N, C-alpha and C. Protein backbone atom coordinates (compact mmCIF):
# COMPACT_ATOMS: atom_id res chain seq x y z
N MET A 1 -231.17 123.73 -3.28
CA MET A 1 -230.88 124.05 -2.06
C MET A 1 -229.40 123.07 -1.68
N THR A 2 -229.90 121.10 -2.28
CA THR A 2 -228.11 120.41 -2.26
C THR A 2 -226.87 121.44 -2.91
N VAL A 3 -227.67 121.47 -4.41
CA VAL A 3 -226.38 122.16 -4.77
C VAL A 3 -225.44 123.56 -4.53
N LYS A 4 -226.67 124.10 -3.42
CA LYS A 4 -225.82 125.58 -2.96
C LYS A 4 -224.97 124.90 -1.67
N LEU A 5 -225.38 123.86 -1.02
CA LEU A 5 -224.29 123.35 0.15
C LEU A 5 -223.59 122.67 -0.44
N MET A 6 -223.77 121.86 -1.77
CA MET A 6 -222.34 121.12 -1.67
C MET A 6 -221.12 122.49 -2.63
N LEU A 7 -221.66 123.55 -2.92
CA LEU A 7 -221.09 124.47 -3.66
C LEU A 7 -220.07 124.68 -2.32
N SER A 8 -220.96 125.65 -1.03
CA SER A 8 -220.57 125.96 -0.11
C SER A 8 -219.44 124.76 0.49
N PHE A 9 -219.71 123.68 0.33
CA PHE A 9 -218.97 122.79 1.00
C PHE A 9 -217.25 123.29 0.44
N ALA A 10 -217.22 122.65 -1.00
CA ALA A 10 -216.34 122.75 -1.67
C ALA A 10 -215.40 124.00 -1.45
N LEU A 11 -216.12 125.02 -1.62
CA LEU A 11 -215.62 126.37 -1.29
C LEU A 11 -214.68 126.29 0.20
N LEU A 12 -215.64 125.62 1.01
CA LEU A 12 -215.09 125.53 2.75
C LEU A 12 -213.71 124.91 2.29
N LEU A 13 -213.77 123.62 1.70
CA LEU A 13 -212.04 122.80 1.34
C LEU A 13 -211.23 123.19 0.28
N SER A 14 -211.94 124.03 -0.30
CA SER A 14 -210.68 124.88 -0.86
C SER A 14 -209.92 125.65 -0.45
N LYS A 15 -210.90 126.28 0.67
CA LYS A 15 -210.05 127.37 1.69
C LYS A 15 -209.02 127.07 2.19
N LEU A 16 -209.69 125.30 3.17
CA LEU A 16 -208.69 124.74 3.72
C LEU A 16 -208.06 124.33 3.41
N LEU A 17 -208.10 124.15 2.41
CA LEU A 17 -206.34 123.54 1.13
C LEU A 17 -205.41 124.30 1.33
N ASP A 18 -205.95 125.45 0.54
CA ASP A 18 -205.30 126.65 0.80
C ASP A 18 -204.86 127.61 1.98
N THR A 19 -205.09 126.96 3.11
CA THR A 19 -204.34 127.76 4.28
C THR A 19 -203.55 126.64 4.31
N THR A 20 -203.71 124.92 4.40
CA THR A 20 -202.74 124.01 4.83
C THR A 20 -201.53 124.10 3.69
N GLY A 21 -201.88 124.37 2.51
CA GLY A 21 -200.78 124.68 1.71
C GLY A 21 -200.72 123.07 0.69
N THR A 22 -202.10 122.51 1.02
CA THR A 22 -201.53 121.19 0.49
C THR A 22 -202.63 120.52 -0.73
N TYR A 23 -202.50 122.55 -1.83
CA TYR A 23 -203.28 122.32 -2.93
C TYR A 23 -202.87 121.85 -4.11
N HIS A 24 -201.67 121.42 -3.79
CA HIS A 24 -200.73 120.66 -4.74
C HIS A 24 -201.41 119.10 -5.28
N TYR A 25 -201.58 118.37 -4.08
CA TYR A 25 -202.16 117.33 -4.56
C TYR A 25 -203.66 116.83 -2.98
N PRO A 26 -204.49 117.27 -4.04
CA PRO A 26 -205.83 117.50 -3.29
C PRO A 26 -206.08 115.78 -2.84
N PRO A 27 -206.41 115.88 -1.47
CA PRO A 27 -207.15 114.33 -1.15
C PRO A 27 -208.46 113.89 -1.75
N HIS A 28 -208.81 112.81 -1.32
CA HIS A 28 -209.39 111.82 -2.32
C HIS A 28 -211.20 112.80 -2.06
N PRO A 29 -211.67 112.95 -1.01
CA PRO A 29 -212.69 113.43 -0.71
C PRO A 29 -212.96 115.01 -1.61
N TRP A 30 -211.68 115.63 -2.18
CA TRP A 30 -212.02 116.79 -2.65
C TRP A 30 -212.17 116.28 -4.22
N ARG A 31 -211.39 115.00 -4.83
CA ARG A 31 -211.80 114.52 -5.48
C ARG A 31 -213.42 113.66 -6.03
N SER A 32 -213.74 113.42 -5.21
CA SER A 32 -214.52 112.98 -4.70
C SER A 32 -216.03 114.22 -5.78
N VAL A 33 -215.63 115.22 -4.60
CA VAL A 33 -216.53 116.20 -4.85
C VAL A 33 -216.48 116.56 -6.21
N LYS A 34 -215.15 117.04 -6.95
CA LYS A 34 -215.50 117.44 -8.17
C LYS A 34 -215.93 116.59 -9.08
N ASN A 35 -216.01 115.33 -8.76
CA ASN A 35 -216.31 114.37 -9.63
C ASN A 35 -218.20 113.84 -9.40
N LEU A 36 -218.19 114.61 -8.48
CA LEU A 36 -219.63 114.60 -8.10
C LEU A 36 -220.64 116.10 -9.03
N LYS A 37 -219.64 117.17 -9.42
CA LYS A 37 -219.98 118.63 -9.62
C LYS A 37 -220.47 118.43 -10.86
N PRO A 38 -220.09 117.27 -12.26
CA PRO A 38 -220.76 117.40 -13.43
C PRO A 38 -222.16 116.60 -13.21
N VAL A 39 -222.05 115.31 -12.10
CA VAL A 39 -223.38 115.05 -11.99
C VAL A 39 -224.82 116.01 -11.45
N VAL A 40 -224.01 116.67 -10.57
CA VAL A 40 -225.62 117.44 -10.31
C VAL A 40 -225.88 118.75 -10.97
N LEU A 41 -224.84 119.13 -11.80
CA LEU A 41 -224.81 120.02 -13.13
C LEU A 41 -224.76 119.79 -14.37
N PRO A 42 -225.46 118.65 -15.08
CA PRO A 42 -224.96 118.22 -16.21
C PRO A 42 -225.05 118.99 -17.43
């Protein structure tokens, strides 16, 4: 359940970044999610 929520959150974040056009330099939260992904899915 938590993994699904995190995935949806990441997708939403990526979509938001895509719309804003700041995908070139991702913010700290995005980096945090990317760092958490491997921890959740070893």
